[in-house]
Amino acid sequence: MNPTHHAANSSLNRPLFVIFSDPGERPGELAQHIPAHIEYMVGLEKRGALFMSGPFLDTSGEPAPSGMWIVRAASREQAHALAAGDPFHVSGARAFRVEAWQVHQGRIEMSIDLSDQKIHLS
């Protein structure tokens, strides 16, 4: 078997989706939804749907207006529903788009819940 073919076919079996979150029609409402947004994201994390998330950084290292999440979902529609449920997106403070992502390389040996610093070994 061709090594390149083998590598491509041994990628993660579970689909991943990238959600890009950008300022929406009502960015001034963002601050009031931060607690609900954090609660929502931690809930996704605990369910195993959220792989990673966070803001982009500007050139000075400060959070930029846009951010990104990587989620585990069975379909693009399910990933879209996860993003649509975020209070930032529900309120219109942020808008989002979903892209499917195929992973070819990388290494993960444990899961870490960043919100409460718990490590799960498997």
PDB file of N, CA and C in Angstrom:
ATOM      1  N   MET A   1       0.846  -1.184   0.000  1.00  0.00           N
ATOM      2  CA  MET A   1       0.000   0.000   0.000  1.00  0.00           C
ATOM      3  C   MET A   1       0.885   1.239   0.000  1.00  0.00           C
ATOM      4  N   ASN A   2       0.481   2.219  -0.741  1.00  0.00           N
ATOM      5  CA  ASN A   2       1.184   3.498  -0.816  1.00  0.00           C
ATOM      6  C   ASN A   2       1.159   4.168   0.556  1.00  0.00           C
ATOM      7  N   PRO A   3       2.351   4.579   1.117  1.00  0.00           N
ATOM      8  CA  PRO A   3       2.369   5.197   2.452  1.00  0.00           C
ATOM      9  C   PRO A   3       1.523   6.462   2.545  1.00  0.00           C
ATOM     10  N   THR A   4       1.460   7.229   1.469  1.00  0.00           N
ATOM     11  CA  THR A   4       0.652   8.450   1.477  1.00  0.00           C
ATOM     12  C   THR A   4      -0.828   8.097   1.582  1.00  0.00           C
ATOM     13  N   HIS A   5      -1.245   7.080   0.835  1.00  0.00           N
ATOM     14  CA  HIS A   5      -2.637   6.632   0.882  1.00  0.00           C
ATOM     15  C   HIS A   5      -2.984   6.133   2.281  1.00  0.00           C
ATOM     16  N   HIS A   6      -2.088   5.347   2.871  1.00  0.00           N
ATOM     17  CA  HIS A   6      -2.317   4.832   4.224  1.00  0.00           C
ATOM     18  C   HIS A   6      -2.459   5.981   5.223  1.00  0.00           C
ATOM     19  N   ALA A   7      -1.573   6.981   5.137  1.00  0.00           N
ATOM     20  CA  ALA A   7      -1.627   8.114   6.071  1.00  0.00           C
ATOM     21  C   ALA A   7      -2.942   8.867   5.936  1.00  0.00           C
ATOM     22  N   ALA A   8      -3.392   9.078   4.707  1.00  0.00           N
ATOM     23  CA  ALA A   8      -4.645   9.810   4.495  1.00  0.00           C
ATOM     24  C   ALA A   8      -5.835   9.028   5.028  1.00  0.00           C
ATOM     25  N   ASN A   9      -5.812   7.704   4.892  1.00  0.00           N
ATOM     26  CA  ASN A   9      -6.936   6.887   5.344  1.00  0.00           C
ATOM     27  C   ASN A   9      -6.907   6.590   6.834  1.00  0.00           C
ATOM     28  N   SER A  10      -5.806   6.889   7.508  1.00  0.00           N
ATOM     29  CA  SER A  10      -5.744   6.628   8.941  1.00  0.00           C
ATOM     30  C   SER A  10      -5.980   7.892   9.760  1.00  0.00           C
ATOM     31  N   SER A  11      -6.498   8.932   9.123  1.00  0.00           N
ATOM     32  CA  SER A  11      -6.831  10.164   9.842  1.00  0.00           C
ATOM     33  C   SER A  11      -7.907   9.877  10.872  1.00  0.00           C
ATOM     34  N   LEU A  12      -8.160  10.833  11.731  1.00  0.00           N
ATOM     35  CA  LEU A  12      -9.200  10.655  12.743  1.00  0.00           C
ATOM     36  C   LEU A  12     -10.505  10.223  12.088  1.00  0.00           C
ATOM     37  N   ASN A  13     -11.138   9.234  12.669  1.00  0.00           N
ATOM     38  CA  ASN A  13     -12.394   8.739  12.109  1.00  0.00           C
ATOM     39  C   ASN A  13     -13.567   9.648  12.425  1.00  0.00           C
ATOM     40  N   ARG A  14     -13.458  10.407  13.484  1.00  0.00           N
ATOM     41  CA  ARG A  14     -14.551  11.278  13.897  1.00  0.00           C
ATOM     42  C   ARG A  14     -14.408  12.626  13.202  1.00  0.00           C
ATOM     43  N   PRO A  15     -15.439  13.074  12.499  1.00  0.00           N
ATOM     44  CA  PRO A  15     -15.322  14.352  11.788  1.00  0.00           C
ATOM     45  C   PRO A  15     -15.104  15.525  12.743  1.00  0.00           C
ATOM     46  N   LEU A  16     -14.297  16.459  12.311  1.00  0.00           N
ATOM     47  CA  LEU A  16     -14.078  17.699  13.046  1.00  0.00           C
ATOM     48  C   LEU A  16     -14.539  18.858  12.181  1.00  0.00           C
ATOM     49  N   PHE A  17     -15.013  19.897  12.840  1.00  0.00           N
ATOM     50  CA  PHE A  17     -15.466  21.092  12.140  1.00  0.00           C
ATOM     51  C   PHE A  17     -14.880  22.308  12.832  1.00  0.00           C
ATOM     52  N   VAL A  18     -14.491  23.291  12.027  1.00  0.00           N
ATOM     53  CA  VAL A  18     -13.966  24.548  12.543  1.00  0.00           C
ATOM     54  C   VAL A  18     -15.078  25.580  12.441  1.00  0.00           C
ATOM     55  N   ILE A  19     -15.317  26.267  13.535  1.00  0.00           N
ATOM     56  CA  ILE A  19     -16.313  27.336  13.572  1.00  0.00           C
ATOM     57  C   ILE A  19     -15.563  28.648  13.741  1.00  0.00           C
ATOM     58  N   PHE A  20     -15.695  29.509  12.754  1.00  0.00           N
ATOM     59  CA  PHE A  20     -15.094  30.842  12.819  1.00  0.00           C
ATOM     60  C   PHE A  20     -16.166  31.791  13.344  1.00  0.00           C
ATOM     61  N   SER A  21     -15.837  32.533  14.394  1.00  0.00           N
ATOM     62  CA  SER A  21     -16.788  33.426  15.046  1.00  0.00           C
ATOM     63  C   SER A  21     -16.263  34.856  14.935  1.00  0.00           C
ATOM     64  N   ASP A  22     -17.045  35.712  14.279  1.00  0.00           N
ATOM     65  CA  ASP A  22     -16.628  37.088  13.990  1.00  0.00           C
ATOM     66  C   ASP A  22     -17.674  38.074  14.504  1.00  0.00           C
ATOM     67  N   PRO A  23     -17.299  39.357  14.631  1.00  0.00           N
ATOM     68  CA  PRO A  23     -18.285  40.351  15.067  1.00  0.00           C
ATOM     69  C   PRO A  23     -19.547  40.282  14.204  1.00  0.00           C
ATOM     70  N   GLY A  24     -20.694  40.349  14.862  1.00  0.00           N
ATOM     71  CA  GLY A  24     -21.974  40.263  14.167  1.00  0.00           C
ATOM     72  C   GLY A  24     -22.616  41.620  13.993  1.00  0.00           C
ATOM     73  N   GLU A  25     -23.931  41.610  13.814  1.00  0.00           N
ATOM     74  CA  GLU A  25     -24.680  42.845  13.583  1.00  0.00           C
ATOM     75  C   GLU A  25     -24.806  43.698  14.838  1.00  0.00           C
ATOM     76  N   ARG A  26     -24.663  43.093  16.021  1.00  0.00           N
ATOM     77  CA  ARG A  26     -24.799  43.826  17.281  1.00  0.00           C
ATOM     78  C   ARG A  26     -23.595  43.566  18.196  1.00  0.00           C
ATOM     79  N   PRO A  27     -22.386  43.943  17.765  1.00  0.00           N
ATOM     80  CA  PRO A  27     -21.194  43.648  18.574  1.00  0.00           C
ATOM     81  C   PRO A  27     -21.199  44.337  19.933  1.00  0.00           C
ATOM     82  N   GLY A  28     -21.957  45.422  20.079  1.00  0.00           N
ATOM     83  CA  GLY A  28     -22.029  46.126  21.353  1.00  0.00           C
ATOM     84  C   GLY A  28     -22.697  45.312  22.452  1.00  0.00           C
ATOM     85  N   GLU A  29     -23.395  44.248  22.077  1.00  0.00           N
ATOM     86  CA  GLU A  29     -24.081  43.405  23.053  1.00  0.00           C
ATOM     87  C   GLU A  29     -23.219  42.249  23.549  1.00  0.00           C
ATOM     88  N   LEU A  30     -21.994  42.151  23.074  1.00  0.00           N
ATOM     89  CA  LEU A  30     -21.133  41.011  23.395  1.00  0.00           C
ATOM     90  C   LEU A  30     -20.924  40.838  24.897  1.00  0.00           C
ATOM     91  N   ALA A  31     -20.545  41.914  25.586  1.00  0.00           N
ATOM     92  CA  ALA A  31     -20.161  41.818  27.004  1.00  0.00           C
ATOM     93  C   ALA A  31     -21.263  41.221  27.871  1.00  0.00           C
ATOM     94  N   GLN A  32     -22.513  41.581  27.605  1.00  0.00           N
ATOM     95  CA  GLN A  32     -23.599  41.087  28.452  1.00  0.00           C
ATOM     96  C   GLN A  32     -23.827  39.588  28.294  1.00  0.00           C
ATOM     97  N   HIS A  33     -23.298  38.989  27.228  1.00  0.00           N
ATOM     98  CA  HIS A  33     -23.506  37.559  26.982  1.00  0.00           C
ATOM     99  C   HIS A  33     -22.296  36.700  27.347  1.00  0.00           C
ATOM    100  N   ILE A  34     -21.239  37.314  27.877  1.00  0.00           N
ATOM    101  CA  ILE A  34     -20.029  36.545  28.199  1.00  0.00           C
ATOM    102  C   ILE A  34     -20.306  35.416  29.197  1.00  0.00           C
ATOM    103  N   PRO A  35     -20.977  35.659  30.329  1.00  0.00           N
ATOM    104  CA  PRO A  35     -21.208  34.541  31.268  1.00  0.00           C
ATOM    105  C   PRO A  35     -21.972  33.374  30.626  1.00  0.00           C
ATOM    106  N   ALA A  36     -23.015  33.677  29.863  1.00  0.00           N
ATOM    107  CA  ALA A  36     -23.795  32.616  29.217  1.00  0.00           C
ATOM    108  C   ALA A  36     -22.969  31.900  28.151  1.00  0.00           C
ATOM    109  N   HIS A  37     -22.134  32.645  27.425  1.00  0.00           N
ATOM    110  CA  HIS A  37     -21.253  32.047  26.415  1.00  0.00           C
ATOM    111  C   HIS A  37     -20.289  31.061  27.074  1.00  0.00           C
ATOM    112  N   ILE A  38     -19.670  31.471  28.169  1.00  0.00           N
ATOM    113  CA  ILE A  38     -18.714  30.594  28.858  1.00  0.00           C
ATOM    114  C   ILE A  38     -19.425  29.343  29.367  1.00  0.00           C
ATOM    115  N   GLU A  39     -20.592  29.512  29.951  1.00  0.00           N
ATOM    116  CA  GLU A  39     -21.359  28.357  30.436  1.00  0.00           C
ATOM    117  C   GLU A  39     -21.683  27.399  29.285  1.00  0.00           C
ATOM    118  N   TYR A  40     -22.069  27.959  28.144  1.00  0.00           N
ATOM    119  CA  TYR A  40     -22.395  27.141  26.973  1.00  0.00           C
ATOM    120  C   TYR A  40     -21.169  26.372  26.485  1.00  0.00           C
ATOM    121  N   MET A  41     -20.038  27.059  26.392  1.00  0.00           N
ATOM    122  CA  MET A  41     -18.818  26.424  25.894  1.00  0.00           C
ATOM    123  C   MET A  41     -18.337  25.324  26.840  1.00  0.00           C
ATOM    124  N   VAL A  42     -18.392  25.564  28.137  1.00  0.00           N
ATOM    125  CA  VAL A  42     -17.995  24.536  29.111  1.00  0.00           C
ATOM    126  C   VAL A  42     -18.929  23.328  28.991  1.00  0.00           C
ATOM    127  N   GLY A  43     -20.211  23.578  28.752  1.00  0.00           N
ATOM    128  CA  GLY A  43     -21.149  22.474  28.544  1.00  0.00           C
ATOM    129  C   GLY A  43     -20.777  21.631  27.333  1.00  0.00           C
ATOM    130  N   LEU A  44     -20.397  22.293  26.233  1.00  0.00           N
ATOM    131  CA  LEU A  44     -19.952  21.556  25.045  1.00  0.00           C
ATOM    132  C   LEU A  44     -18.689  20.763  25.346  1.00  0.00           C
ATOM    133  N   GLU A  45     -17.790  21.377  26.090  1.00  0.00           N
ATOM    134  CA  GLU A  45     -16.547  20.703  26.473  1.00  0.00           C
ATOM    135  C   GLU A  45     -16.853  19.433  27.265  1.00  0.00           C
ATOM    136  N   LYS A  46     -17.720  19.537  28.255  1.00  0.00           N
ATOM    137  CA  LYS A  46     -18.049  18.406  29.124  1.00  0.00           C
ATOM    138  C   LYS A  46     -18.765  17.291  28.370  1.00  0.00           C
ATOM    139  N   ARG A  47     -19.521  17.635  27.334  1.00  0.00           N
ATOM    140  CA  ARG A  47     -20.208  16.630  26.507  1.00  0.00           C
ATOM    141  C   ARG A  47     -19.259  15.953  25.531  1.00  0.00           C
ATOM    142  N   GLY A  48     -18.060  16.500  25.396  1.00  0.00           N
ATOM    143  CA  GLY A  48     -17.105  15.938  24.449  1.00  0.00           C
ATOM    144  C   GLY A  48     -17.233  16.494  23.048  1.00  0.00           C
ATOM    145  N   ALA A  49     -18.080  17.507  22.861  1.00  0.00           N
ATOM    146  CA  ALA A  49     -18.263  18.089  21.533  1.00  0.00           C
ATOM    147  C   ALA A  49     -17.203  19.133  21.207  1.00  0.00           C
ATOM    148  N   LEU A  50     -16.726  19.848  22.217  1.00  0.00           N
ATOM    149  CA  LEU A  50     -15.759  20.923  21.987  1.00  0.00           C
ATOM    150  C   LEU A  50     -14.344  20.387  22.141  1.00  0.00           C
ATOM    151  N   PHE A  51     -13.566  20.499  21.072  1.00  0.00           N
ATOM    152  CA  PHE A  51     -12.172  20.070  21.094  1.00  0.00           C
ATOM    153  C   PHE A  51     -11.293  21.202  21.610  1.00  0.00           C
ATOM    154  N   MET A  52     -11.396  22.370  21.009  1.00  0.00           N
ATOM    155  CA  MET A  52     -10.633  23.549  21.439  1.00  0.00           C
ATOM    156  C   MET A  52     -11.383  24.799  20.999  1.00  0.00           C
ATOM    157  N   SER A  53     -11.148  25.901  21.718  1.00  0.00           N
ATOM    158  CA  SER A  53     -11.739  27.175  21.301  1.00  0.00           C
ATOM    159  C   SER A  53     -10.952  28.321  21.907  1.00  0.00           C
ATOM    160  N   GLY A  54     -11.109  29.479  21.320  1.00  0.00           N
ATOM    161  CA  GLY A  54     -10.485  30.673  21.866  1.00  0.00           C
ATOM    162  C   GLY A  54     -10.388  31.774  20.836  1.00  0.00           C
ATOM    163  N   PRO A  55     -10.015  32.965  21.305  1.00  0.00           N
ATOM    164  CA  PRO A  55      -9.901  34.107  20.392  1.00  0.00           C
ATOM    165  C   PRO A  55      -8.592  34.059  19.614  1.00  0.00           C
ATOM    166  N   PHE A  56      -8.597  34.716  18.471  1.00  0.00           N
ATOM    167  CA  PHE A  56      -7.342  34.980  17.775  1.00  0.00           C
ATOM    168  C   PHE A  56      -6.651  36.106  18.538  1.00  0.00           C
ATOM    169  N   LEU A  57      -5.363  36.257  18.347  1.00  0.00           N
ATOM    170  CA  LEU A  57      -4.611  37.332  19.000  1.00  0.00           C
ATOM    171  C   LEU A  57      -4.138  38.331  17.960  1.00  0.00           C
ATOM    172  N   ASP A  58      -4.144  39.619  18.337  1.00  0.00           N
ATOM    173  CA  ASP A  58      -3.613  40.635  17.428  1.00  0.00           C
ATOM    174  C   ASP A  58      -2.087  40.661  17.547  1.00  0.00           C
ATOM    175  N   THR A  59      -1.451  41.568  16.830  1.00  0.00           N
ATOM    176  CA  THR A  59       0.016  41.608  16.801  1.00  0.00           C
ATOM    177  C   THR A  59       0.634  41.958  18.141  1.00  0.00           C
ATOM    178  N   SER A  60      -0.149  42.544  19.051  1.00  0.00           N
ATOM    179  CA  SER A  60       0.380  42.868  20.380  1.00  0.00           C
ATOM    180  C   SER A  60       0.112  41.746  21.391  1.00  0.00           C
ATOM    181  N   GLY A  61      -0.542  40.669  20.941  1.00  0.00           N
ATOM    182  CA  GLY A  61      -0.841  39.559  21.836  1.00  0.00           C
ATOM    183  C   GLY A  61      -2.168  39.682  22.555  1.00  0.00           C
ATOM    184  N   GLU A  62      -2.930  40.715  22.246  1.00  0.00           N
ATOM    185  CA  GLU A  62      -4.250  40.916  22.857  1.00  0.00           C
ATOM    186  C   GLU A  62      -5.313  40.173  22.044  1.00  0.00           C
ATOM    187  N   PRO A  63      -6.416  39.769  22.701  1.00  0.00           N
ATOM    188  CA  PRO A  63      -7.483  39.102  21.953  1.00  0.00           C
ATOM    189  C   PRO A  63      -8.010  39.985  20.822  1.00  0.00           C
ATOM    190  N   ALA A  64      -8.128  39.396  19.648  1.00  0.00           N
ATOM    191  CA  ALA A  64      -8.673  40.079  18.474  1.00  0.00           C
ATOM    192  C   ALA A  64     -10.197  39.931  18.485  1.00  0.00           C
ATOM    193  N   PRO A  65     -10.906  40.638  17.610  1.00  0.00           N
ATOM    194  CA  PRO A  65     -12.370  40.553  17.610  1.00  0.00           C
ATOM    195  C   PRO A  65     -12.927  39.188  17.196  1.00  0.00           C
ATOM    196  N   SER A  66     -12.137  38.371  16.533  1.00  0.00           N
ATOM    197  CA  SER A  66     -12.612  37.084  16.023  1.00  0.00           C
ATOM    198  C   SER A  66     -12.012  35.923  16.798  1.00  0.00           C
ATOM    199  N   GLY A  67     -12.682  34.789  16.725  1.00  0.00           N
ATOM    200  CA  GLY A  67     -12.187  33.592  17.391  1.00  0.00           C
ATOM    201  C   GLY A  67     -12.540  32.352  16.598  1.00  0.00           C
ATOM    202  N   MET A  68     -12.200  31.202  17.163  1.00  0.00           N
ATOM    203  CA  MET A  68     -12.390  29.948  16.458  1.00  0.00           C
ATOM    204  C   MET A  68     -12.655  28.830  17.455  1.00  0.00           C
ATOM    205  N   TRP A  69     -13.477  27.872  17.050  1.00  0.00           N
ATOM    206  CA  TRP A  69     -13.673  26.646  17.822  1.00  0.00           C
ATOM    207  C   TRP A  69     -13.422  25.482  16.887  1.00  0.00           C
ATOM    208  N   ILE A  70     -13.021  24.369  17.457  1.00  0.00           N
ATOM    209  CA  ILE A  70     -12.983  23.105  16.731  1.00  0.00           C
ATOM    210  C   ILE A  70     -13.910  22.169  17.494  1.00  0.00           C
ATOM    211  N   VAL A  71     -14.894  21.615  16.781  1.00  0.00           N
ATOM    212  CA  VAL A  71     -15.877  20.744  17.426  1.00  0.00           C
ATOM    213  C   VAL A  71     -15.906  19.370  16.772  1.00  0.00           C
ATOM    214  N   ARG A  72     -16.322  18.393  17.567  1.00  0.00           N
ATOM    215  CA  ARG A  72     -16.582  17.043  17.076  1.00  0.00           C
ATOM    216  C   ARG A  72     -18.082  16.963  16.813  1.00  0.00           C
ATOM    217  N   ALA A  73     -18.437  16.587  15.610  1.00  0.00           N
ATOM    218  CA  ALA A  73     -19.855  16.483  15.254  1.00  0.00           C
ATOM    219  C   ALA A  73     -20.007  15.424  14.173  1.00  0.00           C
ATOM    220  N   ALA A  74     -21.184  14.827  14.102  1.00  0.00           N
ATOM    221  CA  ALA A  74     -21.451  13.787  13.116  1.00  0.00           C
ATOM    222  C   ALA A  74     -21.657  14.360  11.718  1.00  0.00           C
ATOM    223  N   SER A  75     -21.996  15.650  11.627  1.00  0.00           N
ATOM    224  CA  SER A  75     -22.278  16.264  10.329  1.00  0.00           C
ATOM    225  C   SER A  75     -22.068  17.773  10.415  1.00  0.00           C
ATOM    226  N   ARG A  76     -22.016  18.394   9.248  1.00  0.00           N
ATOM    227  CA  ARG A  76     -21.923  19.856   9.187  1.00  0.00           C
ATOM    228  C   ARG A  76     -23.164  20.478   9.831  1.00  0.00           C
ATOM    229  N   GLU A  77     -24.309  19.849   9.630  1.00  0.00           N
ATOM    230  CA  GLU A  77     -25.554  20.367  10.203  1.00  0.00           C
ATOM    231  C   GLU A  77     -25.501  20.347  11.728  1.00  0.00           C
ATOM    232  N   GLN A  78     -24.954  19.276  12.293  1.00  0.00           N
ATOM    233  CA  GLN A  78     -24.836  19.202  13.744  1.00  0.00           C
ATOM    234  C   GLN A  78     -23.853  20.254  14.249  1.00  0.00           C
ATOM    235  N   ALA A  79     -22.735  20.447  13.552  1.00  0.00           N
ATOM    236  CA  ALA A  79     -21.769  21.481  13.940  1.00  0.00           C
ATOM    237  C   ALA A  79     -22.411  22.864  13.854  1.00  0.00           C
ATOM    238  N   HIS A  80     -23.211  23.086  12.811  1.00  0.00           N
ATOM    239  CA  HIS A  80     -23.917  24.361  12.654  1.00  0.00           C
ATOM    240  C   HIS A  80     -24.866  24.581  13.828  1.00  0.00           C
ATOM    241  N   ALA A  81     -25.567  23.534  14.238  1.00  0.00           N
ATOM    242  CA  ALA A  81     -26.493  23.651  15.372  1.00  0.00           C
ATOM    243  C   ALA A  81     -25.743  23.974  16.663  1.00  0.00           C
ATOM    244  N   LEU A  82     -24.562  23.379  16.862  1.00  0.00           N
ATOM    245  CA  LEU A  82     -23.762  23.700  18.047  1.00  0.00           C
ATOM    246  C   LEU A  82     -23.395  25.181  18.054  1.00  0.00           C
ATOM    247  N   ALA A  83     -22.946  25.680  16.904  1.00  0.00           N
ATOM    248  CA  ALA A  83     -22.559  27.088  16.814  1.00  0.00           C
ATOM    249  C   ALA A  83     -23.768  28.002  16.986  1.00  0.00           C
ATOM    250  N   ALA A  84     -24.882  27.623  16.395  1.00  0.00           N
ATOM    251  CA  ALA A  84     -26.088  28.457  16.457  1.00  0.00           C
ATOM    252  C   ALA A  84     -26.620  28.587  17.878  1.00  0.00           C
ATOM    253  N   GLY A  85     -26.313  27.631  18.752  1.00  0.00           N
ATOM    254  CA  GLY A  85     -26.782  27.681  20.126  1.00  0.00           C
ATOM    255  C   GLY A  85     -25.968  28.565  21.051  1.00  0.00           C
ATOM    256  N   ASP A  86     -24.810  29.040  20.600  1.00  0.00           N
ATOM    257  CA  ASP A  86     -23.966  29.907  21.431  1.00  0.00           C
ATOM    258  C   ASP A  86     -24.682  31.237  21.664  1.00  0.00           C
ATOM    259  N   PRO A  87     -24.813  31.671  22.918  1.00  0.00           N
ATOM    260  CA  PRO A  87     -25.471  32.950  23.192  1.00  0.00           C
ATOM    261  C   PRO A  87     -24.886  34.134  22.412  1.00  0.00           C
ATOM    262  N   PHE A  88     -23.603  34.121  22.112  1.00  0.00           N
ATOM    263  CA  PHE A  88     -23.024  35.187  21.281  1.00  0.00           C
ATOM    264  C   PHE A  88     -23.696  35.208  19.910  1.00  0.00           C
ATOM    265  N   HIS A  89     -23.938  34.029  19.337  1.00  0.00           N
ATOM    266  CA  HIS A  89     -24.522  33.950  18.003  1.00  0.00           C
ATOM    267  C   HIS A  89     -26.031  34.162  18.047  1.00  0.00           C
ATOM    268  N   VAL A  90     -26.686  33.625  19.069  1.00  0.00           N
ATOM    269  CA  VAL A  90     -28.136  33.811  19.216  1.00  0.00           C
ATOM    270  C   VAL A  90     -28.471  35.295  19.299  1.00  0.00           C
ATOM    271  N   SER A  91     -27.661  36.053  20.032  1.00  0.00           N
ATOM    272  CA  SER A  91     -27.923  37.479  20.255  1.00  0.00           C
ATOM    273  C   SER A  91     -27.577  38.360  19.062  1.00  0.00           C
ATOM    274  N   GLY A  92     -26.812  37.842  18.123  1.00  0.00           N
ATOM    275  CA  GLY A  92     -26.353  38.659  17.003  1.00  0.00           C
ATOM    276  C   GLY A  92     -25.087  39.433  17.309  1.00  0.00           C
ATOM    277  N   ALA A  93     -24.537  39.260  18.515  1.00  0.00           N
ATOM    278  CA  ALA A  93     -23.279  39.936  18.852  1.00  0.00           C
ATOM    279  C   ALA A  93     -22.134  39.392  18.005  1.00  0.00           C
ATOM    280  N   ARG A  94     -22.257  38.131  17.613  1.00  0.00           N
ATOM    281  CA  ARG A  94     -21.260  37.513  16.752  1.00  0.00           C
ATOM    282  C   ARG A  94     -21.977  36.722  15.661  1.00  0.00           C
ATOM    283  N   ALA A  95     -21.293  36.562  14.543  1.00  0.00           N
ATOM    284  CA  ALA A  95     -21.763  35.735  13.432  1.00  0.00           C
ATOM    285  C   ALA A  95     -20.765  34.589  13.269  1.00  0.00           C
ATOM    286  N   PHE A  96     -21.168  33.520  12.593  1.00  0.00           N
ATOM    287  CA  PHE A  96     -20.258  32.383  12.471  1.00  0.00           C
ATOM    288  C   PHE A  96     -20.364  31.733  11.102  1.00  0.00           C
ATOM    289  N   ARG A  97     -19.333  30.967  10.785  1.00  0.00           N
ATOM    290  CA  ARG A  97     -19.371  30.073   9.632  1.00  0.00           C
ATOM    291  C   ARG A  97     -18.705  28.768  10.045  1.00  0.00           C
ATOM    292  N   VAL A  98     -19.131  27.678   9.429  1.00  0.00           N
ATOM    293  CA  VAL A  98     -18.656  26.337   9.770  1.00  0.00           C
ATOM    294  C   VAL A  98     -17.926  25.754   8.568  1.00  0.00           C
ATOM    295  N   GLU A  99     -16.757  25.188   8.817  1.00  0.00           N
ATOM    296  CA  GLU A  99     -15.976  24.507   7.779  1.00  0.00           C
ATOM    297  C   GLU A  99     -15.617  23.111   8.268  1.00  0.00           C
ATOM    298  N   ALA A 100     -15.764  22.105   7.409  1.00  0.00           N
ATOM    299  CA  ALA A 100     -15.316  20.753   7.743  1.00  0.00           C
ATOM    300  C   ALA A 100     -13.793  20.734   7.711  1.00  0.00           C
ATOM    301  N   TRP A 101     -13.205  19.922   8.582  1.00  0.00           N
ATOM    302  CA  TRP A 101     -11.741  19.866   8.684  1.00  0.00           C
ATOM    303  C   TRP A 101     -11.307  18.415   8.727  1.00  0.00           C
ATOM    304  N   GLN A 102     -10.430  18.040   7.819  1.00  0.00           N
ATOM    305  CA  GLN A 102      -9.883  16.689   7.792  1.00  0.00           C
ATOM    306  C   GLN A 102      -8.474  16.727   8.362  1.00  0.00           C
ATOM    307  N   VAL A 103      -8.265  16.006   9.433  1.00  0.00           N
ATOM    308  CA  VAL A 103      -6.961  15.973  10.098  1.00  0.00           C
ATOM    309  C   VAL A 103      -6.120  14.864   9.481  1.00  0.00           C
ATOM    310  N   HIS A 104      -4.878  15.192   9.142  1.00  0.00           N
ATOM    311  CA  HIS A 104      -3.964  14.186   8.596  1.00  0.00           C
ATOM    312  C   HIS A 104      -2.811  13.874   9.534  1.00  0.00           C
ATOM    313  N   GLN A 105      -2.315  14.853  10.243  1.00  0.00           N
ATOM    314  CA  GLN A 105      -1.190  14.627  11.142  1.00  0.00           C
ATOM    315  C   GLN A 105      -1.458  15.291  12.481  1.00  0.00           C
ATOM    316  N   GLY A 106      -0.762  14.804  13.484  1.00  0.00           N
ATOM    317  CA  GLY A 106      -0.863  15.347  14.831  1.00  0.00           C
ATOM    318  C   GLY A 106      -0.826  14.205  15.832  1.00  0.00           C
ATOM    319  N   ARG A 107      -0.770  14.540  17.094  1.00  0.00           N
ATOM    320  CA  ARG A 107      -0.702  13.506  18.129  1.00  0.00           C
ATOM    321  C   ARG A 107      -1.437  13.980  19.377  1.00  0.00           C
ATOM    322  N   ILE A 108      -2.319  13.135  19.864  1.00  0.00           N
ATOM    323  CA  ILE A 108      -3.051  13.423  21.091  1.00  0.00           C
ATOM    324  C   ILE A 108      -3.060  12.143  21.921  1.00  0.00           C
ATOM    325  N   GLU A 109      -2.673  12.251  23.166  1.00  0.00           N
ATOM    326  CA  GLU A 109      -2.637  11.077  24.030  1.00  0.00           C
ATOM    327  C   GLU A 109      -3.500  11.220  25.274  1.00  0.00           C
ATOM    328  N   MET A 110      -4.044  12.393  25.517  1.00  0.00           N
ATOM    329  CA  MET A 110      -4.892  12.605  26.683  1.00  0.00           C
ATOM    330  C   MET A 110      -5.881  13.706  26.361  1.00  0.00           C
ATOM    331  N   SER A 111      -6.940  13.779  27.162  1.00  0.00           N
ATOM    332  CA  SER A 111      -7.856  14.906  27.004  1.00  0.00           C
ATOM    333  C   SER A 111      -7.726  15.794  28.233  1.00  0.00           C
ATOM    334  N   ILE A 112      -7.746  17.082  27.980  1.00  0.00           N
ATOM    335  CA  ILE A 112      -7.613  18.072  29.042  1.00  0.00           C
ATOM    336  C   ILE A 112      -8.789  19.026  28.945  1.00  0.00           C
ATOM    337  N   ASP A 113      -9.571  19.121  30.017  1.00  0.00           N
ATOM    338  CA  ASP A 113     -10.638  20.115  30.088  1.00  0.00           C
ATOM    339  C   ASP A 113     -10.006  21.387  30.638  1.00  0.00           C
ATOM    340  N   LEU A 114      -9.815  22.375  29.783  1.00  0.00           N
ATOM    341  CA  LEU A 114      -9.105  23.589  30.167  1.00  0.00           C
ATOM    342  C   LEU A 114      -9.854  24.407  31.205  1.00  0.00           C
ATOM    343  N   SER A 115     -11.182  24.379  31.168  1.00  0.00           N
ATOM    344  CA  SER A 115     -11.951  25.232  32.075  1.00  0.00           C
ATOM    345  C   SER A 115     -11.726  24.887  33.542  1.00  0.00           C
ATOM    346  N   ASP A 116     -11.577  23.598  33.855  1.00  0.00           N
ATOM    347  CA  ASP A 116     -11.358  23.233  35.257  1.00  0.00           C
ATOM    348  C   ASP A 116     -10.066  22.434  35.451  1.00  0.00           C
ATOM    349  N   GLN A 117      -9.226  22.427  34.431  1.00  0.00           N
ATOM    350  CA  GLN A 117      -7.889  21.845  34.477  1.00  0.00           C
ATOM    351  C   GLN A 117      -7.907  20.369  34.872  1.00  0.00           C
ATOM    352  N   LYS A 118      -8.854  19.610  34.328  1.00  0.00           N
ATOM    353  CA  LYS A 118      -8.911  18.167  34.561  1.00  0.00           C
ATOM    354  C   LYS A 118      -8.285  17.444  33.382  1.00  0.00           C
ATOM    355  N   ILE A 119      -7.503  16.425  33.689  1.00  0.00           N
ATOM    356  CA  ILE A 119      -6.839  15.634  32.666  1.00  0.00           C
ATOM    357  C   ILE A 119      -7.438  14.234  32.673  1.00  0.00           C
ATOM    358  N   HIS A 120      -7.785  13.748  31.485  1.00  0.00           N
ATOM    359  CA  HIS A 120      -8.350  12.412  31.332  1.00  0.00           C
ATOM    360  C   HIS A 120      -7.403  11.594  30.470  1.00  0.00           C
ATOM    361  N   LEU A 121      -6.872  10.516  31.012  1.00  0.00           N
ATOM    362  CA  LEU A 121      -5.984   9.630  30.269  1.00  0.00           C
ATOM    363  C   LEU A 121      -6.780   8.449  29.743  1.00  0.00           C
ATOM    364  N   SER A 122      -6.470   8.045  28.520  1.00  0.00           N
ATOM    365  CA  SER A 122      -7.165   6.878  27.972  1.00  0.00           C
ATOM    366  C   SER A 122      -6.201   5.953  27.286  1.00  0.00           C
TER     367      SER A 122
END
